[in-house]
Amino acid sequence: LGIVVVDAMDLEAVAETAAKLNRWEFMVVGAPPRVERGTGSLINLVAIF
């Protein structure tokens, strides 16, 4: 188990999409790839409206 730390997110594209959809609530999901005995990894964040 670990703690996911996400900082310095660039949310400009999310704000533009939210304005186009006129929806201001969304969920951000990020899952790291499975790496055996890994101690850290990059994740790809996805905003779901």
C-alpha atoms as a PDB file:
ATOM      1  CA  LEU A   1       0.000   0.000   0.000  1.00  0.00           C
ATOM      2  CA  GLY A   2       1.081   3.533  -0.573  1.00  0.00           C
ATOM      3  CA  ILE A   3      -0.013   7.106  -0.785  1.00  0.00           C
ATOM      4  CA  VAL A   4      -0.506   8.771  -4.139  1.00  0.00           C
ATOM      5  CA  VAL A   5       0.809  12.327  -4.150  1.00  0.00           C
ATOM      6  CA  VAL A   6      -0.298  14.491  -7.048  1.00  0.00           C
ATOM      7  CA  ASP A   7       0.898  18.069  -7.218  1.00  0.00           C
ATOM      8  CA  ALA A   8       1.441  20.671  -9.914  1.00  0.00           C
ATOM      9  CA  MET A   9      -1.472  19.439 -12.030  1.00  0.00           C
ATOM     10  CA  ASP A  10      -2.159  21.459 -15.178  1.00  0.00           C
ATOM     11  CA  LEU A  11      -5.936  21.867 -15.127  1.00  0.00           C
ATOM     12  CA  GLU A  12      -6.282  24.338 -18.018  1.00  0.00           C
ATOM     13  CA  ALA A  13      -7.586  21.683 -20.436  1.00  0.00           C
ATOM     14  CA  VAL A  14     -10.009  20.420 -17.787  1.00  0.00           C
ATOM     15  CA  ALA A  15     -11.322  23.963 -17.214  1.00  0.00           C
ATOM     16  CA  GLU A  16     -11.820  24.469 -20.959  1.00  0.00           C
ATOM     17  CA  THR A  17     -13.700  21.173 -21.293  1.00  0.00           C
ATOM     18  CA  ALA A  18     -15.816  21.976 -18.230  1.00  0.00           C
ATOM     19  CA  ALA A  19     -16.772  25.335 -19.744  1.00  0.00           C
ATOM     20  CA  LYS A  20     -17.715  23.718 -23.068  1.00  0.00           C
ATOM     21  CA  LEU A  21     -19.846  21.081 -21.316  1.00  0.00           C
ATOM     22  CA  ASN A  22     -21.175  23.543 -18.718  1.00  0.00           C
ATOM     23  CA  ARG A  23     -20.341  20.927 -16.081  1.00  0.00           C
ATOM     24  CA  TRP A  24     -18.165  21.819 -13.128  1.00  0.00           C
ATOM     25  CA  GLU A  25     -17.999  18.541 -11.236  1.00  0.00           C
ATOM     26  CA  PHE A  26     -15.670  15.772 -12.313  1.00  0.00           C
ATOM     27  CA  MET A  27     -13.650  12.894 -10.943  1.00  0.00           C
ATOM     28  CA  VAL A  28      -9.899  12.604 -11.437  1.00  0.00           C
ATOM     29  CA  VAL A  29      -8.616   9.050 -11.735  1.00  0.00           C
ATOM     30  CA  GLY A  30      -5.002   7.982 -11.884  1.00  0.00           C
ATOM     31  CA  ALA A  31      -3.677   4.455 -11.807  1.00  0.00           C
ATOM     32  CA  PRO A  32       0.012   3.595 -11.928  1.00  0.00           C
ATOM     33  CA  PRO A  33       1.162   0.695 -14.085  1.00  0.00           C
ATOM     34  CA  ARG A  34       1.841  -2.603 -12.336  1.00  0.00           C
ATOM     35  CA  VAL A  35       5.551  -2.775 -11.614  1.00  0.00           C
ATOM     36  CA  GLU A  36       6.805  -5.636  -9.504  1.00  0.00           C
ATOM     37  CA  ARG A  37       8.759  -4.348  -6.483  1.00  0.00           C
ATOM     38  CA  GLY A  38       8.457  -0.771  -7.737  1.00  0.00           C
ATOM     39  CA  THR A  39       8.782   2.081  -5.275  1.00  0.00           C
ATOM     40  CA  GLY A  40       7.393   4.828  -7.460  1.00  0.00           C
ATOM     41  CA  SER A  41       5.914   5.414 -10.860  1.00  0.00           C
ATOM     42  CA  LEU A  42       4.443   8.065 -13.098  1.00  0.00           C
ATOM     43  CA  ILE A  43       0.676   8.042 -13.455  1.00  0.00           C
ATOM     44  CA  ASN A  44      -1.625   9.252 -16.198  1.00  0.00           C
ATOM     45  CA  LEU A  45      -4.480  11.282 -14.730  1.00  0.00           C
ATOM     46  CA  VAL A  46      -7.876  11.231 -16.446  1.00  0.00           C
ATOM     47  CA  ALA A  47     -10.746  13.620 -15.692  1.00  0.00           C
ATOM     48  CA  ILE A  48     -14.167  11.972 -15.997  1.00  0.00           C
ATOM     49  CA  PHE A  49     -17.181  14.260 -16.371  1.00  0.00           C
END
